[in-house]
Amino acid sequence: YKMYMQGIHYRGRQTFESDLKSLQCFNAALAIAPDFINPNFYIVELNSFFADAGILSSAEAAHTCGEATSRAMQKDPDNAWSQLTAGINAFYFEWNIEKANHHLERAITLNPNLSMAYLFLSRCRLVMQRKDEIDELLQKAYHLDPMGGMTLGAAGEISFLAGKFELAIEYCNEALAI
């Protein structure tokens, strides 16, 4: 758990070097406690980001994320973190938006306090052209994690992509202030 929390700490810094450290921490946490599901989410989230940023090939990231998703779903498919992990994998690597939406909704049903599920569901809804549903999801994520730089940054990005520029500026300014 300590390695997992260190990973979250490093991920929150949002630099390339700290992201690499966080990934090491999450992998170490799984090596120590293979039944711990939560690190699998961060492995998928980070590798998705690395592939999106061109740091890692899509094929390599898809392989790593597929393994992490399988691990999480095999351990406990009724765990919100497993569903969140499966949703992100379906979104980024399977390009199955309906499947991603299903997993992300299920994650929220299982744990309505999982802020990251609201963020990723809002991104999914953006791609589904359901922009009218985004604001409520982002507000819920913000309510659950008002100090989260990743939460605020993602909310700003998603709002921007949805054409909600004033809201995007508000989220981004708050993220920068923190």
C-alpha atoms as a PDB file:
ATOM      1  CA  TYR A   1       0.000   0.000   0.000  1.00  0.00           C
ATOM      2  CA  LYS A   2       2.896   2.350   0.743  1.00  0.00           C
ATOM      3  CA  MET A   3       4.303   1.763  -2.756  1.00  0.00           C
ATOM      4  CA  TYR A   4       0.856   2.388  -4.224  1.00  0.00           C
ATOM      5  CA  MET A   5       0.510   5.676  -2.320  1.00  0.00           C
ATOM      6  CA  GLN A   6       3.991   6.739  -3.410  1.00  0.00           C
ATOM      7  CA  GLY A   7       2.909   6.030  -6.974  1.00  0.00           C
ATOM      8  CA  ILE A   8      -0.132   8.286  -6.562  1.00  0.00           C
ATOM      9  CA  HIS A   9       2.116  10.987  -5.109  1.00  0.00           C
ATOM     10  CA  TYR A  10       4.494  10.843  -8.070  1.00  0.00           C
ATOM     11  CA  ARG A  11       1.624  10.689 -10.585  1.00  0.00           C
ATOM     12  CA  GLY A  12       0.189  13.847  -9.106  1.00  0.00           C
ATOM     13  CA  ARG A  13       3.362  15.756  -9.955  1.00  0.00           C
ATOM     14  CA  GLN A  14       2.666  15.238 -13.672  1.00  0.00           C
ATOM     15  CA  THR A  15       6.209  15.345 -14.999  1.00  0.00           C
ATOM     16  CA  PHE A  16       7.756  12.715 -17.222  1.00  0.00           C
ATOM     17  CA  GLU A  17      10.283  11.738 -14.565  1.00  0.00           C
ATOM     18  CA  SER A  18       7.669  11.505 -11.814  1.00  0.00           C
ATOM     19  CA  ASP A  19       5.358   9.513 -14.100  1.00  0.00           C
ATOM     20  CA  LEU A  20       8.134   6.976 -14.646  1.00  0.00           C
ATOM     21  CA  LYS A  21       8.682   6.777 -10.875  1.00  0.00           C
ATOM     22  CA  SER A  22       4.962   6.326 -10.299  1.00  0.00           C
ATOM     23  CA  LEU A  23       4.830   3.472 -12.805  1.00  0.00           C
ATOM     24  CA  GLN A  24       7.723   1.796 -11.000  1.00  0.00           C
ATOM     25  CA  CYS A  25       5.849   2.176  -7.704  1.00  0.00           C
ATOM     26  CA  PHE A  26       2.629   0.683  -9.105  1.00  0.00           C
ATOM     27  CA  ASN A  27       4.496  -2.278 -10.563  1.00  0.00           C
ATOM     28  CA  ALA A  28       6.332  -2.756  -7.261  1.00  0.00           C
ATOM     29  CA  ALA A  29       3.039  -2.659  -5.357  1.00  0.00           C
ATOM     30  CA  LEU A  30       1.691  -5.429  -7.597  1.00  0.00           C
ATOM     31  CA  ALA A  31       4.865  -7.470  -7.137  1.00  0.00           C
ATOM     32  CA  ILE A  32       4.392  -7.260  -3.366  1.00  0.00           C
ATOM     33  CA  ALA A  33       0.604  -7.706  -3.369  1.00  0.00           C
ATOM     34  CA  PRO A  34      -0.586  -9.304  -6.643  1.00  0.00           C
ATOM     35  CA  ASP A  35      -4.213  -9.298  -5.462  1.00  0.00           C
ATOM     36  CA  PHE A  36      -4.260  -5.513  -5.016  1.00  0.00           C
ATOM     37  CA  ILE A  37      -6.401  -4.276  -7.912  1.00  0.00           C
ATOM     38  CA  ASN A  38      -5.939  -0.485  -7.766  1.00  0.00           C
ATOM     39  CA  PRO A  39      -2.376  -0.322  -9.171  1.00  0.00           C
ATOM     40  CA  ASN A  40      -3.651  -1.957 -12.370  1.00  0.00           C
ATOM     41  CA  PHE A  41      -5.761   1.134 -13.052  1.00  0.00           C
ATOM     42  CA  TYR A  42      -2.753   3.440 -12.830  1.00  0.00           C
ATOM     43  CA  ILE A  43      -0.676   1.130 -15.019  1.00  0.00           C
ATOM     44  CA  VAL A  44      -3.394   1.348 -17.675  1.00  0.00           C
ATOM     45  CA  GLU A  45      -3.886   5.089 -17.200  1.00  0.00           C
ATOM     46  CA  LEU A  46      -0.162   5.847 -17.453  1.00  0.00           C
ATOM     47  CA  ASN A  47       0.488   3.555 -20.402  1.00  0.00           C
ATOM     48  CA  SER A  48      -2.507   5.051 -22.209  1.00  0.00           C
ATOM     49  CA  PHE A  49      -1.044   8.488 -21.625  1.00  0.00           C
ATOM     50  CA  PHE A  50       2.417   7.354 -22.781  1.00  0.00           C
ATOM     51  CA  ALA A  51       0.934   5.917 -25.988  1.00  0.00           C
ATOM     52  CA  ASP A  52      -1.144   9.052 -26.575  1.00  0.00           C
ATOM     53  CA  ALA A  53       1.936  11.241 -26.082  1.00  0.00           C
ATOM     54  CA  GLY A  54       4.053   9.104 -28.413  1.00  0.00           C
ATOM     55  CA  ILE A  55       6.378   8.016 -25.604  1.00  0.00           C
ATOM     56  CA  LEU A  56       5.394   4.377 -26.026  1.00  0.00           C
ATOM     57  CA  SER A  57       4.168   2.540 -29.092  1.00  0.00           C
ATOM     58  CA  SER A  58       0.449   1.830 -29.195  1.00  0.00           C
ATOM     59  CA  ALA A  59       1.156  -1.879 -29.617  1.00  0.00           C
ATOM     60  CA  GLU A  60       3.381  -2.023 -26.541  1.00  0.00           C
ATOM     61  CA  ALA A  61       0.929   0.010 -24.461  1.00  0.00           C
ATOM     62  CA  ALA A  62      -2.012  -2.103 -25.650  1.00  0.00           C
ATOM     63  CA  HIS A  63      -0.199  -5.262 -24.593  1.00  0.00           C
ATOM     64  CA  THR A  64       0.682  -3.908 -21.127  1.00  0.00           C
ATOM     65  CA  CYS A  65      -2.811  -2.478 -20.632  1.00  0.00           C
ATOM     66  CA  GLY A  66      -4.469  -5.684 -21.789  1.00  0.00           C
ATOM     67  CA  GLU A  67      -2.484  -7.660 -19.218  1.00  0.00           C
ATOM     68  CA  ALA A  68      -3.305  -5.213 -16.408  1.00  0.00           C
ATOM     69  CA  THR A  69      -6.989  -5.247 -17.348  1.00  0.00           C
ATOM     70  CA  SER A  70      -7.078  -9.045 -17.436  1.00  0.00           C
ATOM     71  CA  ARG A  71      -5.379  -9.202 -14.030  1.00  0.00           C
ATOM     72  CA  ALA A  72      -7.868  -6.803 -12.483  1.00  0.00           C
ATOM     73  CA  MET A  73     -10.946  -8.424 -14.028  1.00  0.00           C
ATOM     74  CA  GLN A  74      -9.786 -11.933 -13.110  1.00  0.00           C
ATOM     75  CA  LYS A  75      -9.186 -10.904  -9.492  1.00  0.00           C
ATOM     76  CA  ASP A  76     -12.559  -9.217  -9.019  1.00  0.00           C
ATOM     77  CA  PRO A  77     -14.834  -8.126 -11.876  1.00  0.00           C
ATOM     78  CA  ASP A  78     -17.210  -6.598  -9.322  1.00  0.00           C
ATOM     79  CA  ASN A  79     -14.588  -4.164  -8.053  1.00  0.00           C
ATOM     80  CA  ALA A  80     -15.035  -0.550  -9.196  1.00  0.00           C
ATOM     81  CA  TRP A  81     -11.310  -0.226  -9.943  1.00  0.00           C
ATOM     82  CA  SER A  82     -11.451  -3.329 -12.156  1.00  0.00           C
ATOM     83  CA  GLN A  83     -14.366  -1.860 -14.070  1.00  0.00           C
ATOM     84  CA  LEU A  84     -12.591   1.500 -14.387  1.00  0.00           C
ATOM     85  CA  THR A  85      -9.485  -0.257 -15.702  1.00  0.00           C
ATOM     86  CA  ALA A  86     -11.526  -2.262 -18.214  1.00  0.00           C
ATOM     87  CA  GLY A  87     -13.327   0.881 -19.337  1.00  0.00           C
ATOM     88  CA  ILE A  88     -10.120   2.754 -20.071  1.00  0.00           C
ATOM     89  CA  ASN A  89      -8.650  -0.228 -21.890  1.00  0.00           C
ATOM     90  CA  ALA A  90     -11.799  -0.590 -24.014  1.00  0.00           C
ATOM     91  CA  PHE A  91     -11.740   3.134 -24.813  1.00  0.00           C
ATOM     92  CA  TYR A  92      -8.075   3.536 -25.750  1.00  0.00           C
ATOM     93  CA  PHE A  93      -7.062   0.161 -27.115  1.00  0.00           C
ATOM     94  CA  GLU A  94     -10.167  -1.746 -28.179  1.00  0.00           C
ATOM     95  CA  TRP A  95     -11.894   1.351 -29.628  1.00  0.00           C
ATOM     96  CA  ASN A  96     -15.124  -0.053 -28.267  1.00  0.00           C
ATOM     97  CA  ILE A  97     -16.818   3.059 -26.933  1.00  0.00           C
ATOM     98  CA  GLU A  98     -20.050   1.312 -25.904  1.00  0.00           C
ATOM     99  CA  LYS A  99     -18.084  -1.271 -23.935  1.00  0.00           C
ATOM    100  CA  ALA A 100     -16.029   1.490 -22.321  1.00  0.00           C
ATOM    101  CA  ASN A 101     -19.211   3.365 -21.415  1.00  0.00           C
ATOM    102  CA  HIS A 102     -20.677   0.198 -19.856  1.00  0.00           C
ATOM    103  CA  HIS A 103     -17.578  -0.466 -17.724  1.00  0.00           C
ATOM    104  CA  LEU A 104     -17.312   3.158 -16.609  1.00  0.00           C
ATOM    105  CA  GLU A 105     -20.981   3.331 -15.635  1.00  0.00           C
ATOM    106  CA  ARG A 106     -20.542   0.065 -13.749  1.00  0.00           C
ATOM    107  CA  ALA A 107     -17.516   1.488 -11.904  1.00  0.00           C
ATOM    108  CA  ILE A 108     -19.623   4.431 -10.740  1.00  0.00           C
ATOM    109  CA  THR A 109     -22.469   2.134  -9.697  1.00  0.00           C
ATOM    110  CA  LEU A 110     -20.030   0.063  -7.644  1.00  0.00           C
ATOM    111  CA  ASN A 111     -18.301   3.115  -6.141  1.00  0.00           C
ATOM    112  CA  PRO A 112     -20.064   6.465  -6.631  1.00  0.00           C
ATOM    113  CA  ASN A 113     -17.063   8.198  -4.997  1.00  0.00           C
ATOM    114  CA  LEU A 114     -14.523   7.186  -7.644  1.00  0.00           C
ATOM    115  CA  SER A 115     -13.662  10.548  -9.191  1.00  0.00           C
ATOM    116  CA  MET A 116     -11.552   9.108 -12.000  1.00  0.00           C
ATOM    117  CA  ALA A 117     -14.537   7.112 -13.262  1.00  0.00           C
ATOM    118  CA  TYR A 118     -16.491  10.335 -13.753  1.00  0.00           C
ATOM    119  CA  LEU A 119     -13.578  11.894 -15.638  1.00  0.00           C
ATOM    120  CA  PHE A 120     -13.159   8.992 -17.999  1.00  0.00           C
ATOM    121  CA  LEU A 121     -16.909   8.627 -18.465  1.00  0.00           C
ATOM    122  CA  SER A 122     -17.089  12.304 -19.449  1.00  0.00           C
ATOM    123  CA  ARG A 123     -14.329  11.709 -22.033  1.00  0.00           C
ATOM    124  CA  CYS A 124     -16.247   8.702 -23.309  1.00  0.00           C
ATOM    125  CA  ARG A 125     -19.466  10.721 -23.561  1.00  0.00           C
ATOM    126  CA  LEU A 126     -17.598  13.413 -25.477  1.00  0.00           C
ATOM    127  CA  VAL A 127     -16.601  10.856 -28.110  1.00  0.00           C
ATOM    128  CA  MET A 128     -20.172   9.531 -28.130  1.00  0.00           C
ATOM    129  CA  GLN A 129     -21.362  13.061 -29.002  1.00  0.00           C
ATOM    130  CA  ARG A 130     -23.294  13.302 -25.737  1.00  0.00           C
ATOM    131  CA  LYS A 131     -21.834  16.658 -24.691  1.00  0.00           C
ATOM    132  CA  ASP A 132     -24.952  17.577 -22.738  1.00  0.00           C
ATOM    133  CA  GLU A 133     -24.008  14.930 -20.146  1.00  0.00           C
ATOM    134  CA  ILE A 134     -20.427  16.078 -19.601  1.00  0.00           C
ATOM    135  CA  ASP A 135     -20.890  19.016 -17.216  1.00  0.00           C
ATOM    136  CA  GLU A 136     -22.600  16.981 -14.499  1.00  0.00           C
ATOM    137  CA  LEU A 137     -19.922  14.279 -14.674  1.00  0.00           C
ATOM    138  CA  LEU A 138     -17.099  16.822 -14.452  1.00  0.00           C
ATOM    139  CA  GLN A 139     -18.781  18.605 -11.550  1.00  0.00           C
ATOM    140  CA  LYS A 140     -19.075  15.299  -9.707  1.00  0.00           C
ATOM    141  CA  ALA A 141     -15.386  14.507 -10.320  1.00  0.00           C
ATOM    142  CA  TYR A 142     -14.450  17.986  -9.107  1.00  0.00           C
ATOM    143  CA  HIS A 143     -16.675  17.638  -6.028  1.00  0.00           C
ATOM    144  CA  LEU A 144     -14.970  14.349  -5.145  1.00  0.00           C
ATOM    145  CA  ASP A 145     -11.427  15.614  -5.832  1.00  0.00           C
ATOM    146  CA  PRO A 146     -11.387  19.434  -5.636  1.00  0.00           C
ATOM    147  CA  MET A 147      -7.627  19.640  -5.146  1.00  0.00           C
ATOM    148  CA  GLY A 148      -6.658  17.089  -7.772  1.00  0.00           C
ATOM    149  CA  GLY A 149      -4.447  18.568 -10.444  1.00  0.00           C
ATOM    150  CA  MET A 150      -5.211  15.650 -12.716  1.00  0.00           C
ATOM    151  CA  THR A 151      -8.926  16.087 -12.093  1.00  0.00           C
ATOM    152  CA  LEU A 152      -8.891  19.810 -12.806  1.00  0.00           C
ATOM    153  CA  GLY A 153      -6.577  19.480 -15.798  1.00  0.00           C
ATOM    154  CA  ALA A 154      -8.668  16.711 -17.342  1.00  0.00           C
ATOM    155  CA  ALA A 155     -11.876  18.648 -16.668  1.00  0.00           C
ATOM    156  CA  GLY A 156     -10.343  21.640 -18.420  1.00  0.00           C
ATOM    157  CA  GLU A 157      -9.251  19.565 -21.392  1.00  0.00           C
ATOM    158  CA  ILE A 158     -12.602  17.798 -21.756  1.00  0.00           C
ATOM    159  CA  SER A 159     -14.515  21.077 -21.427  1.00  0.00           C
ATOM    160  CA  PHE A 160     -12.278  22.640 -24.078  1.00  0.00           C
ATOM    161  CA  LEU A 161     -12.810  19.735 -26.476  1.00  0.00           C
ATOM    162  CA  ALA A 162     -16.570  20.020 -25.882  1.00  0.00           C
ATOM    163  CA  GLY A 163     -16.408  23.686 -26.923  1.00  0.00           C
ATOM    164  CA  LYS A 164     -17.109  24.952 -23.408  1.00  0.00           C
ATOM    165  CA  PHE A 165     -14.237  27.406 -23.380  1.00  0.00           C
ATOM    166  CA  GLU A 166     -15.187  29.547 -20.366  1.00  0.00           C
ATOM    167  CA  LEU A 167     -15.625  26.449 -18.219  1.00  0.00           C
ATOM    168  CA  ALA A 168     -12.321  25.068 -19.518  1.00  0.00           C
ATOM    169  CA  ILE A 169     -10.577  28.278 -18.507  1.00  0.00           C
ATOM    170  CA  GLU A 170     -12.100  28.089 -15.017  1.00  0.00           C
ATOM    171  CA  TYR A 171     -10.917  24.509 -14.482  1.00  0.00           C
ATOM    172  CA  CYS A 172      -7.441  25.224 -15.871  1.00  0.00           C
ATOM    173  CA  ASN A 173      -6.989  28.410 -13.856  1.00  0.00           C
ATOM    174  CA  GLU A 174      -7.915  26.540 -10.694  1.00  0.00           C
ATOM    175  CA  ALA A 175      -5.493  23.742 -11.568  1.00  0.00           C
ATOM    176  CA  LEU A 176      -2.706  26.268 -12.085  1.00  0.00           C
ATOM    177  CA  ALA A 177      -3.544  28.008  -8.813  1.00  0.00           C
ATOM    178  CA  ILE A 178      -3.162  24.743  -6.933  1.00  0.00           C
END
